[in-house]
Amino acid sequence: MSVKSLGVTCSPGLISHHSSRSTHSSSTMYPRTPDLQTETVTQFLFDNPDFLDSFVIQHVHEDRVRQWSQRKHKGQGHHALTLTNGDLFKDHRSNWKNCVQSKKWRVLQELTKDNTTNKARVFTELAACAAESVNADGHNLYLVDDQNQLFLASKSSKNQRAPTTCVGRIEPRTTLPAYVAYTKESVVSQNLVGDPRFPLGFGVETEKGVSAIAVPLLHGNNTVLGVVELYRNYGNMPFSVEEEEVAEMMLVWADICMEYVEMYNSMMKQRKLNDFLLAVTKSIFQDIVSMDTVIMKIMNYAKKLVIADRASLFLVDTKSRELYARIFDTGRVEEHIPQKEIRFPMDRGVAGHVASTGEVLNIADAYTDSRFNRDVDLQTGYRTKSILCMPIYNRGNIIGVVQMVNKIDGVFTKADEESFETFAIYCGLALHHAKLYDKIRRSEQKYRVAVEVLSYHSQCNDEEYQMVKTMPIPDDIPDILDYDYSPWAIDNDNKPVYVLYMMRDIFNMHSQFDIDDMIRFTLTVRKNYRNVPYHNWAHAFSVAHAMFAVIKTSQHHFTPIESLALYIACLCHDLDHRGKTNAFMVKSAAPLAAIYSTSTMEHHHFNHTVTILQNEGHNIFKHLTSAEYKQILSDIRHCILATDLALFFGNRSRLQDIADKGEFSWENAEHRRLVMANSMTAADLCSMYKPWDLQVQLVDVIMEEFWQQGDEERSQGLTPMPMMDRQKKNELPHLEVGFLVGICLPCYEVMAQILPETKPMVDGAIANLKKWRELAEKEALEKEKENEEPQKPQQTDDNQEKEKEEPVTTTEKPSDDAIVTSEKTLLSAGDGLDDSASDTSFLAAGKPLPDISSDQTSNVSSEKTVLSLHSEESR
């Protein structure tokens, strides 16, 4: 049945075109229906265009629609079909645009998902898309190399020569791609034959190519990256200007895609490098055992970084100006084994040149470089081809040279240099820290040797131990519990026995003990007191005795652990004392002051105590439980630190406040710790309540130690405070009055308030205070006589005259007003004891001193004396 027989009229061209397509499709996919003919379907689709649109949208994939459009355009373009329908011609232009846009997105999607994308692949994909967009029969892609030459990167015909073939330099009047690369402008040619601009025609031979479009691939800075050559064979319609525009529109994406790809590759490369460097850092810095270990790791990682066959690392000896190494990469299983060290001058070989100049050397052929030493290859049989040698810096100085030998897949590149330059920074840090570690390790060994030597000399020897062990410890010592007892009268050799007597008595309050450990501990403590005038072993013994008297005579409620801690703390409270105050240690920048920022010497005394306890055969607390051991160390630390007068004022003030309010309780651990702290100060100042004759002797010893410090300060160009100034020794009575009124009496009085049995401390101090006042008055009168020569008065102020004429009243004992006055005077001293008050004058010459029986002891001069005294932490 024909279309005419159905009475259907249609365009002959359309009938022939659609019938041929439809017949082929129906014959291959569906059985033919007898009553349905091709002409009928064609006519139905012409009469029902909406149905056709709906069917295509719902049932036909967009790729099939795109293929239909391309087939139709290719047939029309090649055969120059003339269409008179305006709408069809409009659709023809829309197809170009739709095709180009879809291709661009497809290319971008594929390239962004692929991690292996490079420049050649990007341009190859774009060239293929451009060729497909303009219905070219073939295409060629040419890229520009470093020598400004074109080489074939990809092709569409299998008969052409292999890619990467050089096709000539970029210059005019040769080939089409060379001309386009030279002019940097696209070209469309209807017929290449006889064109004077490119007489040699295509860059490579084609089968039947006649018409061509050539588009340059330009970078953002107008640099030529390559040329895309599209061609149509003989017999097909030549390219039009419109098709040239389509090709240009497609290939303009080359620069954008390439920039994205380069950025992506750079980021991925940097990420891999960062991961590599992180692994290097972790591996090297987590295992800095020795310099050899670090060198072996650097060599292994360096080889992996640039894919080299072997590596060498030479360190610089700046003193001898030599390079040296003792670990070599032999390429065998036992590589990196330390060998005999080799050395050579810094001006020899490739490594020497790099070490001398700091220049990075990338040598493609070692045998053509005069700096290369062939002797090593002749001896080992190894063939050196390429070398990458780079210096390693630390703090701006070259400390080593790393030499990579024979890149496995060619020669070392610029990228290898850049990567290795970053790696070399980490190498420098690793080598620097390895050297520091070696120094620290050697210093640690020296320290251990020094500690071993010092420990031997600071511990009691067997002869001392045996001598004391043979001396019997008495069961009773007469008068040892008297507060007037003189520990200084005991012979130095017998003091350890007295210490053991008291220690055994206190230990019996709690648990068992080891007499051998007690002997060693006591003798070692004695040995670790320095030979200074006052803060020596005799002072420690006297303080321990004072505390023993308090513990044994008073009705306290200290726990056995606290009682033992008090006694041991007194025995050790000035261990290794240097005869200098804390303020002097800080001012002279002593190492101890750098370790302990507050209570410098007291922290040192406690730590020294712990060190002695840790010595073998010295742990007198070994029978205590773990909790008891921890508790007694904490109590000892608290007690020793309490001997710092900077802490005394606060501790005494809190205890006084609690006692005055009637809130003190022995069941309260914090209250007991305040009493312990105040008891330590009272025992530390025990010389101030001893009988007068003994007190005077002890004060002379104390002042000699202070004056020695003042002499040293004066030798350093410093002005010592009056208490430390030997030139003002005549003011000693005034100093002692202020010391007793400001510190000793407040301390003893609060002790007697809590523990009434300790009142002999107060009585002894008051008796001594009376003697010192008498001496002070006598000194003041003598000074007043010396100043009786006629002279013009220096002060005329009425208030000052009245102050001199003010009468002094007396009472039998220091009143509470005196304590309050001294407490007010010491407010600033408790904040931070230093030399800030060293310029405060002591008692003015000629001013009468209040008598011990005075009712009001709060005079301005003694207040100033106290402030000056305690700002230097004198005890």
Foldseek 3Di string as FASTA:
>chain_A
DDLVVVVDDDDPVVCVVVQVVVVVVCVVPHDDDPVDDPSVVVRVCVVCVVVVVVCCVPPNDVVVVLVVLLVVLQVCQFVVDDDPDPVVVVVNVVSLVVLLVVLLVVLVVVLVVDPPDALLVSVVSLLVSLCSSQVFPWKWKWFADPVQWTWTSDIDDPPWDDGPHTLGHQDWQAEDFSLCLNVVAKDWAQFQDPDRRHNNYHSTDDDFWGTKIKHFQAAPVRHTGIIMITTHGPSTGHDDPVSNVSSCVSRPCSNVSNVVSVVSNVVVVVVVLVVLLVVLCCVLVVDLPALLVLQVSLFVSLCVLQVFQFKDKWFADVVVQKTKDQAGAPSDPPHRDGHDMDIDHLCAAPFSVCLVPQDWDWAQALVVDPRHDCVVCVVSVDDFGIKTKGFADDPRHTGMIMIGTHRPPGGGDPVSVVSVVVVSPVSNVSSVVNVVVVVVVVVVVVVVVVCVVVVVQLWDDPVLLVVVVPDDQDPDDPPLLPLQDQLLPDDPSCLLSVLLNLLVVLCVLPDDWDSQLSSRQLVSQQSQADPALALHQSLLSQLLSLLSSCVVQWPADDHSLLSSLLNVLSNQLQGNPPLAFPQLCVVVVPPQCVVDVPLSRLVVSLVVSVVQCPDPSNVGCPPPDPVSVVVSSVSSSLQSSLLFVLNVLVLLVVLVVCLVVVNDDSVDPVNVSSLSSLSSNQSSVSLLLHDQVSNVVSLVSSQVSLLVSQVVCVVVVHHFFLSNHPVNVLCVLLLLLLCLLQPQLSSQVSNCSVTVSSCSSNVSNLVNNQVSLVSNQVSLVVVVVVVPPDDDDPDDDPVVVVVQVDDFAFAQADDVQSHVLSSVLCPVLNVAQYQPLSPQDADDRNRRQYGRRTPHRRDPRSSSSNNNVSSRRRD
